[in-house]
Every structure is written in C-alpha cells, then in structure tokens.
Amino acid sequence: MKFTVCIPLIALLAACSPLKPLQLKHDDGLAGMPSQWRHQADSADAQIERDWWQAFANPELDSLVQRAQRANYDIAAAVARVTQAQKLAVVAGAPLLPEVSATANAGRQHRLGGGSDAANANHYAGSLVASYEVDFWGKNRSAYQGALARVEASQFDRDSVRLSITASVANTWMELTGLRERALIAQQNLDNAEKVLRLVQSRYRAGAANQLALAQQQGLVATQRRTVVLLKQQQGNTEAVLATLLSQPLAELQFGNSLLRDLQLPQTSVSLPSSLLTRRPDIASAEAALLAAQADIQVARAVMLPSITLNGGMLSSSNHLASVLDHPLYSLAAGLTAPIFNAGRLAAQRDIAIARREELLANYRQTIIAAFADVEAALNRIQGLDQQAVAQAEALENAERAFNFAQSRYQAGAETMLNLLDTERTLFTAQDVNLQIRQQRLQAAIDLYRALGGGWARSVS
C-alpha cells in the first residue's frame, strides 16, 4: 500500500513546476525601427487577403496556384518536417512525467531423467517500477519549451515555403503569359514585315526600288523570324519551370490563352513598418529559432547542476499463479548525481549554446532588415514602373502614328525605304517594351505581396 502512494507522489512532483512560455529579451529586436516607408504614397493599415493572387482576377492563375499548393513536393516536405518536430516535442516532454514500466515472467523447471516433485516447479514473478527526475533547475522544462519553439519554427517555415511557391507560380505564369503575348506581337510584326517585303519586291520589279532596299527589308524579315522563334523557345523553357513548381510532368499540363492586358492590376495597401514583424512567416521562424536557442542555454546550464532521481518499485514472485501478489516487496530510493570533473565538457556545451543564440540573434535581426529592404525595393519598383508605363504609352502611340504615316507616304512614293524601316523597327520595339513594362508591373505587385507576407497571419496549427 505504501508503494501505491509512491507513484501519485512522484506525479505530483512532476506537476509542481508549470511551464512558462519563453519570451524574447527586450533588446532582441531592432532599436531603430523605421516609422514609415521611404515610398509611402498610398500606405494604409489594411490586411492582405490570404488568397491574394485572386486580386489579379484570372481563373487560370487561381487554378495553377491551387494545384501547386496541393501537389508541390517542397510544400509536402515542409509539412513532413512539421510532423517530425511535433513528435520530437513529444519525446522532449516525456521526462516531465514519471516513467512507469511493468514486467511479468512465468517459467517452469524440470529435472531431466525424472526425479522428485520438488525438483519440478512453476515460477511466476511480476514487477512494477516508476522513476522520475526532479526538475529542480528546469532542465526538462526548458528542453520541452525548446522543442515546442522548434515546432512553431517548422510551422512558420512551412508557411514560408508555401508563400514562396505561390509567389513563384504567379511570377512564372506572368512571365509565361508575357512571352506568349510578346510572341503574338512579334508574329504580327513579322506578318507586317512580310507584307512590306512584298511591296518592296513589287516596286523592285517595277524599277521603283533598288536592291539595297530589298536586302534591308529581307534582313528585317529574317530578324523578326528569329525573334519569334526565340520567344517561343523561352516560352517552352518557362513552361518547364512552371511544371516543376506544380510537381507535374510538362506533357500533362495544358495552359490557357490569357493575356496580360486582360489582368486586373491590384492596388496593394502597405501597412506601417512595425506591423511587418507580424506579417512575415520567415521573421516568425527566426524568432522561434531564437526562443529555442534560449531554452538550449537553460538546459546546458542545468546540466552543470546536481540532479535528483526518485525510484520506486514493487516485486512479487510465487510458485503458484493465484498467490503471486500475496507478499510483494517494494522499494523506494532517491539518487543524487552531481558533475565533478568532465574536462570542461559541460561548460563548453553551455558556451556553444550561448554562441548559437548569438548567431540566431544576428540572423533574426538580419531577417528583419532584409524584410524591410524587400518591401522598399518592391515599392520602389512599382513607383518606377508606373512612371515608365505612362511614358511608354505615349511613345507607343507616337510610334504607331509614325509607322502608319511613313507606310502611306512610302506607298505614294513620297518616303524613302530607310525611313519606313526605321519607323517599323521603332513600332515593334515600342510594342514589345510596353508589354514588358506591363508584365514587370504585375510581377512587382507579386513581389510586394510576397514582401508583405502574402496575407499570412501569425497562428500555428
């Protein structure tokens, strides 16, 4: 009966030290937090939708992103790492509770060649053992807290991978759509160049154009044919990249005929810089890793102090199964273990843990700095591209008017072939650059979504 009181007593000791959540020190963040963004034109405190890619209003993009989130192997690997961390936390938390084990044995001995009945006997035995390390110095609690922090870090890393894959799919799809549309423009310009070539050939046969004009237009047609082939080649390469992000063979994928000019350009609200710390999973992951390092220091320091282990056990045996529990023996013991000499091993392990925390603190601060830089770069790019788009729209309008005017004058014999070729090349370049600016502006919006955390919320599951 005394032993039956022992196990609840050990469990009570295990519950005497409740877990306290780890917290970062006040000086672990950045002292000089910026009060506003350098490019602060349209800032507002607003949350980004988790499905931020739907702001582009394109069903094909929505479908590809959803397929990537379901099928991408990098995301699947990140999910598996979360499971690993969760199970390691279970292992780390086990020493906080008593460990109880039971054994049962049954045997029979028999003398070979016969003999008295005393030489033939059955033997039954059973035992119950409980042990618990009294966590005076918080070693086991700190180890468990560190494991929980690593679970959170793995969950934040999973969210970072998901955000990165989503943004990469959207970016790659934008590039693919832009290449497809650029190839259409190049094909239209090739058709137009071939039309002009036929006109030059007709004038050459009539003696109204010289061989130089004919050679120049033939060279322009060949150059634009090469451009069409090059753009289609780049389109195929980009499709392969997108297939990799979707973790599917390229042969199984079918792409639509979306055009960049049909996409809606989202207006992203940019919150204050301080809120960025709660909107990016990579910052949360770096913080969780730092918390785990703090717990490792506490564990390393506790290992250098004495430890007390409580043990209790009960043993009973008999030659008859019915009476095996009639006269049990019990034992209670307490053991004290203290490190005396270990050639500096424990102190070195503590110093390693401290140095590791300093490394992770530097990584945490650098992650914050990099996050600010990402947002500033995205805002700067958006501002510049918006200004370029206005200027390029004017350039394209003038190029179209100049080409139409030069073509009509050439047909009337009032313009030289050289001027017509110049206006034709200028028009093609203006159309191509205009489309590239449109593509870059859409991709800049994706970069800003990624830099702001993509609608991520600081919660773990």
Protein backbone atom coordinates (compact mmCIF):
# COMPACT_ATOMS: atom_id res chain seq x y z
CA MET A 1 0.00 0.00 0.00
CA LYS A 2 2.95 2.29 0.68
CA PHE A 3 4.08 1.80 -2.90
CA THR A 4 0.65 2.73 -4.26
CA VAL A 5 1.14 6.15 -2.65
CA CYS A 6 4.59 6.49 -4.23
CA ILE A 7 3.51 6.80 -7.86
CA PRO A 8 0.93 9.60 -7.26
CA LEU A 9 3.55 11.39 -5.15
CA ILE A 10 6.06 11.26 -8.00
CA ALA A 11 3.40 12.51 -10.42
CA LEU A 12 2.63 15.38 -8.02
CA LEU A 13 6.27 16.39 -8.01
CA ALA A 14 6.22 16.39 -11.80
CA ALA A 15 3.30 18.82 -11.83
CA CYS A 16 4.77 21.24 -9.29
CA SER A 17 6.69 23.25 -11.94
CA PRO A 18 4.25 24.62 -14.55
CA LEU A 19 5.60 25.61 -17.95
CA LYS A 20 6.10 29.29 -18.56
CA PRO A 21 6.18 30.50 -22.17
CA LEU A 22 9.53 31.68 -23.44
CA GLN A 23 9.85 35.33 -24.35
CA LEU A 24 12.48 37.28 -26.21
CA LYS A 25 14.51 39.81 -24.31
CA HIS A 26 13.60 43.44 -24.87
CA ASP A 27 16.85 44.16 -26.73
CA ASP A 28 16.49 41.26 -29.15
CA GLY A 29 14.62 43.31 -31.78
CA LEU A 30 15.80 46.33 -33.72
CA ALA A 31 16.38 49.52 -31.80
CA GLY A 32 15.98 51.81 -34.81
CA MET A 33 12.63 50.69 -36.22
CA PRO A 34 11.67 52.97 -39.14
CA SER A 35 8.50 54.98 -38.60
CA GLN A 36 7.43 54.87 -42.25
CA TRP A 37 8.39 53.51 -45.63
CA ARG A 38 10.57 55.55 -47.91
CA HIS A 39 7.93 55.16 -50.63
CA GLN A 40 4.77 55.87 -48.65
CA ALA A 41 2.41 57.22 -51.31
CA ASP A 42 -0.66 55.06 -50.78
CA SER A 43 0.03 53.39 -47.42
CA ALA A 44 -2.79 52.25 -45.20
CA ASP A 45 -3.24 49.86 -42.30
CA ALA A 46 -5.01 47.05 -44.13
CA GLN A 47 -4.76 43.29 -44.11
CA ILE A 48 -3.85 41.41 -47.26
CA GLU A 49 -6.19 38.60 -48.21
CA ARG A 50 -4.72 35.13 -47.80
CA ASP A 51 -5.77 34.35 -51.38
CA TRP A 52 -4.00 37.46 -52.63
CA TRP A 53 -3.42 36.06 -56.13
CA GLN A 54 -7.18 36.31 -56.77
CA ALA A 55 -6.72 40.10 -56.92
CA PHE A 56 -5.45 39.62 -60.50
CA ALA A 57 -8.91 38.25 -61.41
CA ASN A 58 -7.71 35.40 -63.62
CA PRO A 59 -9.23 31.88 -63.29
CA GLU A 60 -6.19 30.21 -64.90
CA LEU A 61 -3.83 31.72 -62.32
CA ASP A 62 -6.19 30.74 -59.49
CA SER A 63 -6.27 27.15 -60.71
CA LEU A 64 -2.48 26.88 -61.07
CA VAL A 65 -1.83 28.26 -57.58
CA GLN A 66 -4.31 25.85 -56.01
CA ARG A 67 -2.75 22.93 -57.88
CA ALA A 68 0.72 23.94 -56.71
CA GLN A 69 -0.38 24.19 -53.08
CA ARG A 70 -1.84 20.68 -53.29
CA ALA A 71 0.86 18.94 -55.32
CA ASN A 72 4.18 20.74 -54.79
CA TYR A 73 6.74 18.39 -53.22
CA ASP A 74 8.62 21.17 -51.45
CA ILE A 75 5.43 22.02 -49.56
CA ALA A 76 4.86 18.33 -48.82
CA ALA A 77 8.39 18.04 -47.44
CA ALA A 78 7.83 21.12 -45.24
CA VAL A 79 4.63 19.55 -43.88
CA ALA A 80 6.56 16.37 -43.07
CA ARG A 81 9.17 18.43 -41.20
CA VAL A 82 6.37 19.87 -39.06
CA THR A 83 5.28 16.34 -38.15
CA GLN A 84 8.85 15.43 -37.24
CA ALA A 85 9.14 18.47 -34.97
CA GLN A 86 5.84 17.64 -33.28
CA LYS A 87 6.97 14.10 -32.49
CA LEU A 88 10.34 15.35 -31.23
CA ALA A 89 8.40 17.64 -28.88
CA VAL A 90 6.57 14.59 -27.52
CA VAL A 91 9.93 12.93 -26.87
CA ALA A 92 11.30 16.07 -25.21
CA GLY A 93 8.23 16.39 -22.97
CA ALA A 94 8.30 12.78 -21.75
CA PRO A 95 10.79 13.41 -18.87
CA LEU A 96 8.35 15.90 -17.32
CA LEU A 97 6.21 12.94 -16.21
CA PRO A 98 7.17 9.78 -14.31
CA GLU A 99 8.18 6.76 -16.33
CA VAL A 100 6.39 3.60 -15.25
CA SER A 101 7.09 0.12 -16.56
CA ALA A 102 5.80 -3.34 -15.69
CA THR A 103 7.19 -6.81 -16.29
CA ALA A 104 5.73 -10.30 -15.90
CA ASN A 105 7.56 -13.62 -16.06
CA ALA A 106 6.44 -17.22 -15.98
CA GLY A 107 8.65 -20.31 -16.07
CA ARG A 108 8.89 -23.96 -15.22
CA GLN A 109 11.88 -26.03 -14.22
CA HIS A 110 12.04 -29.81 -14.62
CA ARG A 111 14.87 -32.19 -13.82
CA LEU A 112 15.81 -34.36 -16.83
CA GLY A 113 15.61 -38.08 -16.21
CA GLY A 114 12.88 -37.81 -13.66
CA GLY A 115 13.17 -37.01 -10.01
CA SER A 116 11.11 -35.87 -7.07
CA ASP A 117 8.24 -33.44 -7.40
CA ALA A 118 10.31 -30.87 -5.51
CA ALA A 119 12.64 -30.66 -8.49
CA ASN A 120 9.71 -29.83 -10.76
CA ALA A 121 8.13 -26.47 -10.11
CA ASN A 122 6.45 -23.50 -11.75
CA HIS A 123 7.66 -19.97 -11.09
CA TYR A 124 5.73 -16.71 -11.53
CA ALA A 125 7.00 -13.17 -10.97
CA GLY A 126 5.87 -9.62 -11.62
CA SER A 127 7.31 -6.17 -11.06
CA LEU A 128 6.25 -2.53 -11.34
CA VAL A 129 8.88 0.21 -11.49
CA ALA A 130 8.48 4.01 -11.52
CA SER A 131 11.18 6.65 -11.85
CA TYR A 132 11.20 10.41 -12.04
CA GLU A 133 13.92 13.04 -12.24
CA VAL A 134 13.06 16.02 -10.05
CA ASP A 135 13.37 19.02 -12.33
CA PHE A 136 14.71 21.49 -9.75
CA TRP A 137 16.73 23.53 -12.25
CA GLY A 138 14.24 23.46 -15.13
CA LYS A 139 16.35 21.31 -17.44
CA ASN A 140 13.46 19.16 -18.66
CA ARG A 141 11.03 22.07 -18.82
CA SER A 142 13.48 24.09 -20.89
CA ALA A 143 14.12 21.17 -23.22
CA TYR A 144 10.38 20.80 -23.77
CA GLN A 145 9.92 24.52 -24.34
CA GLY A 146 12.77 24.48 -26.85
CA ALA A 147 11.11 21.60 -28.68
CA LEU A 148 7.80 23.49 -28.78
CA ALA A 149 9.60 26.54 -30.18
CA ARG A 150 11.09 24.33 -32.90
CA VAL A 151 7.60 23.06 -33.71
CA GLU A 152 6.49 26.65 -34.24
CA ALA A 153 9.60 27.37 -36.30
CA SER A 154 8.86 24.38 -38.53
CA GLN A 155 5.27 25.57 -38.98
CA PHE A 156 6.47 29.05 -39.89
CA ASP A 157 9.00 27.54 -42.30
CA ARG A 158 6.19 25.55 -43.90
CA ASP A 159 4.22 28.76 -44.36
CA SER A 160 7.30 30.46 -45.82
CA VAL A 161 7.70 27.65 -48.34
CA ARG A 162 4.02 27.83 -49.26
CA LEU A 163 4.23 31.61 -49.74
CA SER A 164 7.40 31.30 -51.80
CA ILE A 165 5.96 28.58 -54.04
CA THR A 166 2.73 30.52 -54.52
CA ALA A 167 4.59 33.70 -55.48
CA SER A 168 6.92 31.74 -57.77
CA VAL A 169 3.97 30.12 -59.55
CA ALA A 170 2.31 33.51 -60.05
CA ASN A 171 5.58 35.11 -61.19
CA THR A 172 6.40 32.29 -63.60
CA TRP A 173 2.87 32.29 -65.00
CA MET A 174 3.12 36.05 -65.56
CA GLU A 175 6.39 35.51 -67.41
CA LEU A 176 4.88 32.72 -69.50
CA THR A 177 1.84 34.82 -70.36
CA GLY A 178 4.07 37.76 -71.26
CA LEU A 179 6.24 35.61 -73.52
CA ARG A 180 3.16 34.23 -75.23
CA GLU A 181 1.83 37.72 -75.83
CA ARG A 182 5.23 39.01 -76.94
CA ALA A 183 5.39 36.15 -79.41
CA LEU A 184 1.99 37.22 -80.78
CA ILE A 185 3.23 40.79 -81.19
CA ALA A 186 6.39 39.54 -82.86
CA GLN A 187 4.32 37.38 -85.20
CA GLN A 188 2.11 40.34 -86.09
CA ASN A 189 5.18 42.44 -86.82
CA LEU A 190 6.63 39.58 -88.86
CA ASP A 191 3.41 39.43 -90.88
CA ASN A 192 3.59 43.18 -91.36
CA ALA A 193 7.26 43.00 -92.36
CA GLU A 194 6.47 40.28 -94.91
CA LYS A 195 3.69 42.47 -96.25
CA VAL A 196 6.15 45.37 -96.64
CA LEU A 197 8.63 42.97 -98.25
CA ARG A 198 6.08 42.00 -100.85
CA LEU A 199 5.53 45.70 -101.55
CA VAL A 200 9.27 46.31 -101.88
CA GLN A 201 9.63 43.30 -104.19
CA SER A 202 6.80 44.66 -106.34
CA ARG A 203 8.45 48.09 -106.51
CA TYR A 204 11.83 46.47 -107.20
CA ARG A 205 10.42 44.54 -110.16
CA ALA A 206 8.88 47.78 -111.43
CA GLY A 207 12.23 49.55 -111.06
CA ALA A 208 10.95 51.90 -108.33
CA ALA A 209 13.14 50.37 -105.59
CA ASN A 210 16.79 49.40 -105.60
CA GLN A 211 18.46 46.18 -104.47
CA LEU A 212 19.66 47.79 -101.23
CA ALA A 213 16.09 48.49 -100.09
CA LEU A 214 15.11 44.92 -100.96
CA ALA A 215 18.05 43.45 -99.00
CA GLN A 216 17.30 45.63 -95.97
CA GLN A 217 13.69 44.53 -95.80
CA GLN A 218 14.64 40.88 -96.32
CA GLY A 219 17.10 41.21 -93.42
CA LEU A 220 14.41 42.74 -91.23
CA VAL A 221 12.05 39.85 -92.00
CA ALA A 222 14.74 37.30 -91.12
CA THR A 223 15.50 39.11 -87.86
CA GLN A 224 11.86 39.14 -86.82
CA ARG A 225 11.53 35.45 -87.69
CA ARG A 226 14.45 34.77 -85.34
CA THR A 227 12.73 36.84 -82.65
CA VAL A 228 9.54 34.79 -82.96
CA VAL A 229 11.50 31.53 -82.65
CA LEU A 230 13.47 32.86 -79.67
CA LEU A 231 10.34 33.94 -77.81
CA LYS A 232 8.70 30.57 -78.40
CA GLN A 233 11.83 28.84 -77.14
CA GLN A 234 11.77 30.95 -73.98
CA GLN A 235 8.09 30.18 -73.64
CA GLY A 236 8.85 26.45 -73.66
CA ASN A 237 11.57 26.87 -71.04
CA THR A 238 9.22 28.83 -68.80
CA GLU A 239 6.53 26.17 -69.16
CA ALA A 240 9.08 23.61 -67.89
CA VAL A 241 9.82 25.80 -64.85
CA LEU A 242 6.11 26.14 -64.12
CA ALA A 243 5.65 22.37 -64.45
CA THR A 244 8.41 21.90 -61.87
CA LEU A 245 6.65 24.25 -59.45
CA LEU A 246 3.46 22.25 -59.96
CA SER A 247 5.43 19.00 -59.46
CA GLN A 248 3.88 17.55 -62.60
CA PRO A 249 5.31 16.40 -65.95
CA LEU A 250 5.14 19.07 -68.62
CA ALA A 251 3.42 16.71 -71.03
CA GLU A 252 0.41 16.51 -68.69
CA LEU A 253 -0.09 20.27 -68.42
CA GLN A 254 -2.36 22.40 -70.55
CA PHE A 255 -2.07 26.18 -70.47
CA GLY A 256 -4.72 28.70 -71.43
CA ASN A 257 -4.54 31.76 -73.66
CA SER A 258 -4.70 34.51 -71.05
CA LEU A 259 -3.29 37.94 -71.94
CA LEU A 260 -1.57 40.36 -69.62
CA ARG A 261 -3.70 43.23 -70.80
CA ASP A 262 -6.77 41.39 -69.51
CA LEU A 263 -5.40 41.06 -65.97
CA GLN A 264 -6.55 43.37 -63.23
CA LEU A 265 -3.75 45.40 -61.65
CA PRO A 266 -4.21 45.11 -57.85
CA GLN A 267 -3.82 48.07 -55.53
CA THR A 268 -1.87 46.75 -52.54
CA SER A 269 -2.21 48.57 -49.21
CA VAL A 270 1.08 48.89 -47.35
CA SER A 271 0.91 48.96 -43.56
CA LEU A 272 3.37 50.59 -41.21
CA PRO A 273 6.86 49.04 -41.00
CA SER A 274 6.39 47.82 -37.41
CA SER A 275 3.46 45.59 -38.42
CA LEU A 276 5.70 43.75 -40.88
CA LEU A 277 7.12 41.80 -37.92
CA THR A 278 3.80 40.00 -37.51
CA ARG A 279 3.04 39.55 -41.21
CA ARG A 280 6.01 37.53 -42.46
CA PRO A 281 6.49 33.85 -41.60
CA ASP A 282 10.26 33.98 -42.07
CA ILE A 283 10.55 36.60 -39.31
CA ALA A 284 8.35 34.48 -37.05
CA SER A 285 10.51 31.43 -37.83
CA ALA A 286 13.71 33.30 -36.95
CA GLU A 287 12.12 34.44 -33.69
CA ALA A 288 11.03 30.89 -32.82
CA ALA A 289 14.53 29.58 -33.53
CA LEU A 290 15.90 32.24 -31.19
CA LEU A 291 13.48 31.15 -28.46
CA ALA A 292 14.61 27.55 -28.92
CA ALA A 293 18.23 28.66 -28.55
CA GLN A 294 17.37 30.42 -25.29
CA ALA A 295 15.89 27.17 -24.00
CA ASP A 296 19.04 25.29 -25.04
CA ILE A 297 21.12 27.66 -22.89
CA GLN A 298 18.92 26.94 -19.88
CA VAL A 299 19.28 23.20 -20.50
CA ALA A 300 23.07 23.47 -20.82
CA ARG A 301 23.30 25.41 -17.55
CA ALA A 302 21.02 22.99 -15.69
CA VAL A 303 23.12 20.00 -16.76
CA MET A 304 26.02 21.50 -14.78
CA LEU A 305 23.99 21.31 -11.52
CA PRO A 306 23.13 18.28 -9.36
CA SER A 307 20.14 16.16 -10.31
CA ILE A 308 17.85 14.07 -8.10
CA THR A 309 16.11 10.94 -9.32
CA LEU A 310 13.29 9.19 -7.42
CA ASN A 311 12.74 5.48 -7.97
CA GLY A 312 10.08 3.17 -6.69
CA GLY A 313 9.43 -0.45 -7.39
CA MET A 314 7.41 -3.49 -6.41
CA LEU A 315 8.41 -7.12 -6.93
CA SER A 316 6.44 -10.24 -6.21
CA SER A 317 7.01 -13.89 -7.04
CA SER A 318 5.46 -17.27 -6.24
CA ASN A 319 5.34 -20.85 -7.37
CA HIS A 320 1.57 -20.52 -7.78
CA LEU A 321 -0.13 -18.06 -10.06
CA ALA A 322 -3.03 -17.45 -7.65
CA SER A 323 -0.69 -16.26 -4.87
CA VAL A 324 1.82 -14.30 -6.94
CA LEU A 325 0.66 -10.98 -5.40
CA ASP A 326 0.26 -12.18 -1.81
CA HIS A 327 3.60 -10.99 -0.41
CA PRO A 328 5.11 -8.30 -2.66
CA LEU A 329 8.33 -6.49 -1.91
CA TYR A 330 8.57 -2.78 -2.54
CA SER A 331 11.49 -0.39 -2.71
CA LEU A 332 11.85 3.38 -2.59
CA ALA A 333 15.06 5.19 -3.42
CA ALA A 334 16.39 8.63 -4.18
CA GLY A 335 19.64 9.27 -6.02
CA LEU A 336 21.72 12.42 -6.22
CA THR A 337 24.10 12.91 -9.14
CA ALA A 338 26.43 15.88 -9.42
CA PRO A 339 29.10 16.51 -12.04
CA ILE A 340 32.56 16.93 -10.52
CA PHE A 341 35.11 16.61 -13.28
CA ASN A 342 34.38 16.38 -17.01
CA ALA A 343 37.38 18.20 -18.51
CA GLY A 344 35.27 21.29 -19.26
CA ARG A 345 32.80 19.42 -21.48
CA LEU A 346 29.65 20.78 -19.81
CA ALA A 347 30.97 24.33 -19.70
CA ALA A 348 31.89 24.09 -23.38
CA GLN A 349 28.41 22.84 -24.23
CA ARG A 350 26.95 25.83 -22.37
CA ASP A 351 29.24 28.21 -24.25
CA ILE A 352 28.26 26.58 -27.54
CA ALA A 353 24.59 27.15 -26.72
CA ILE A 354 25.29 30.81 -25.89
CA ALA A 355 27.24 31.31 -29.11
CA ARG A 356 24.47 29.59 -31.06
CA ARG A 357 21.96 32.04 -29.61
CA GLU A 358 24.16 34.97 -30.62
CA GLU A 359 24.27 33.57 -34.17
CA LEU A 360 20.49 33.20 -34.30
CA LEU A 361 20.02 36.67 -32.83
CA ALA A 362 22.12 38.10 -35.65
CA ASN A 363 20.10 36.06 -38.15
CA TYR A 364 16.86 37.34 -36.61
CA ARG A 365 17.94 40.95 -36.91
CA GLN A 366 19.20 40.42 -40.46
CA THR A 367 15.90 38.78 -41.41
CA ILE A 368 14.06 41.90 -40.24
CA ILE A 369 16.42 44.19 -42.14
CA ALA A 370 16.04 42.05 -45.28
CA ALA A 371 12.24 42.14 -44.92
CA PHE A 372 12.26 45.95 -44.80
CA ALA A 373 14.54 46.03 -47.84
CA ASP A 374 12.23 43.68 -49.75
CA VAL A 375 9.25 45.97 -49.21
CA GLU A 376 11.21 49.11 -50.05
CA ALA A 377 12.55 47.51 -53.24
CA ALA A 378 9.06 46.39 -54.29
CA LEU A 379 7.58 49.83 -53.63
CA ASN A 380 10.42 51.50 -55.49
CA ARG A 381 9.97 49.15 -58.44
CA ILE A 382 6.22 49.78 -58.56
CA GLN A 383 6.70 53.54 -58.46
CA GLY A 384 9.29 53.44 -61.23
CA LEU A 385 7.28 51.10 -63.45
CA ASP A 386 4.15 53.21 -63.09
CA GLN A 387 6.09 56.22 -64.34
CA GLN A 388 7.66 54.18 -67.14
CA ALA A 389 4.23 52.91 -68.20
CA VAL A 390 2.93 56.45 -68.67
CA ALA A 391 5.94 57.48 -70.75
CA GLN A 392 5.93 54.26 -72.77
CA ALA A 393 2.22 54.57 -73.58
CA GLU A 394 2.97 57.94 -75.14
CA ALA A 395 5.97 56.51 -77.02
CA LEU A 396 3.86 53.64 -78.37
CA GLU A 397 1.14 55.98 -79.55
CA ASN A 398 3.67 58.12 -81.42
CA ALA A 399 5.39 55.04 -82.89
CA GLU A 400 2.09 53.72 -84.26
CA ARG A 401 1.24 57.10 -85.78
CA ALA A 402 4.72 57.46 -87.28
CA PHE A 403 4.65 53.98 -88.84
CA ASN A 404 1.18 54.44 -90.38
CA PHE A 405 2.21 57.83 -91.77
CA ALA A 406 5.52 56.51 -93.16
CA GLN A 407 3.83 53.48 -94.74
CA SER A 408 1.21 55.58 -96.55
CA ARG A 409 3.87 58.03 -97.76
CA TYR A 410 6.09 55.17 -98.98
CA GLN A 411 3.21 53.65 -100.94
CA ALA A 412 2.68 57.07 -102.51
CA GLY A 413 6.39 57.31 -103.33
CA ALA A 414 6.93 60.30 -101.03
CA GLU A 415 9.06 58.48 -98.40
CA THR A 416 12.31 56.52 -98.51
CA MET A 417 12.57 52.87 -97.61
CA LEU A 418 15.09 53.67 -94.89
CA ASN A 419 12.60 55.85 -93.02
CA LEU A 420 9.92 53.19 -93.33
CA LEU A 421 12.26 50.54 -91.88
CA ASP A 422 13.19 52.83 -89.00
CA THR A 423 9.57 53.50 -88.10
CA GLU A 424 8.77 49.79 -88.37
CA ARG A 425 11.57 48.82 -86.01
CA THR A 426 10.58 51.61 -83.63
CA LEU A 427 6.99 50.39 -83.56
CA PHE A 428 7.96 46.81 -82.83
CA THR A 429 10.32 47.89 -80.05
CA ALA A 430 7.68 50.17 -78.53
CA GLN A 431 5.07 47.39 -78.52
CA ASP A 432 7.49 44.90 -77.01
CA VAL A 433 8.73 47.30 -74.32
CA ASN A 434 5.17 48.33 -73.47
CA LEU A 435 4.24 44.69 -72.88
CA GLN A 436 7.38 44.04 -70.85
CA ILE A 437 6.61 47.01 -68.59
CA ARG A 438 3.08 45.68 -68.10
CA GLN A 439 4.48 42.27 -67.18
CA GLN A 440 7.07 43.74 -64.81
CA ARG A 441 4.40 45.87 -63.12
CA LEU A 442 2.25 42.82 -62.48
CA GLN A 443 5.26 40.89 -61.18
CA ALA A 444 6.17 43.85 -58.95
CA ALA A 445 2.75 43.53 -57.34
CA ILE A 446 3.51 39.85 -56.68
CA ASP A 447 6.87 40.82 -55.16
CA LEU A 448 5.13 43.30 -52.87
CA TYR A 449 2.61 40.67 -51.77
CA ARG A 450 5.48 38.31 -51.01
CA ALA A 451 7.45 41.03 -49.18
CA LEU A 452 4.43 41.87 -47.01
CA GLY A 453 3.88 38.23 -46.06
CA GLY A 454 1.15 37.42 -48.57
CA GLY A 455 -1.74 37.68 -46.14
CA TRP A 456 -0.05 35.37 -43.64
CA ALA A 457 -1.36 35.54 -40.07
CA ARG A 458 0.70 34.61 -37.03
CA SER A 459 -1.06 31.49 -35.88
CA VAL A 460 0.08 27.87 -35.57
CA SER A 461 -1.86 24.69 -36.19
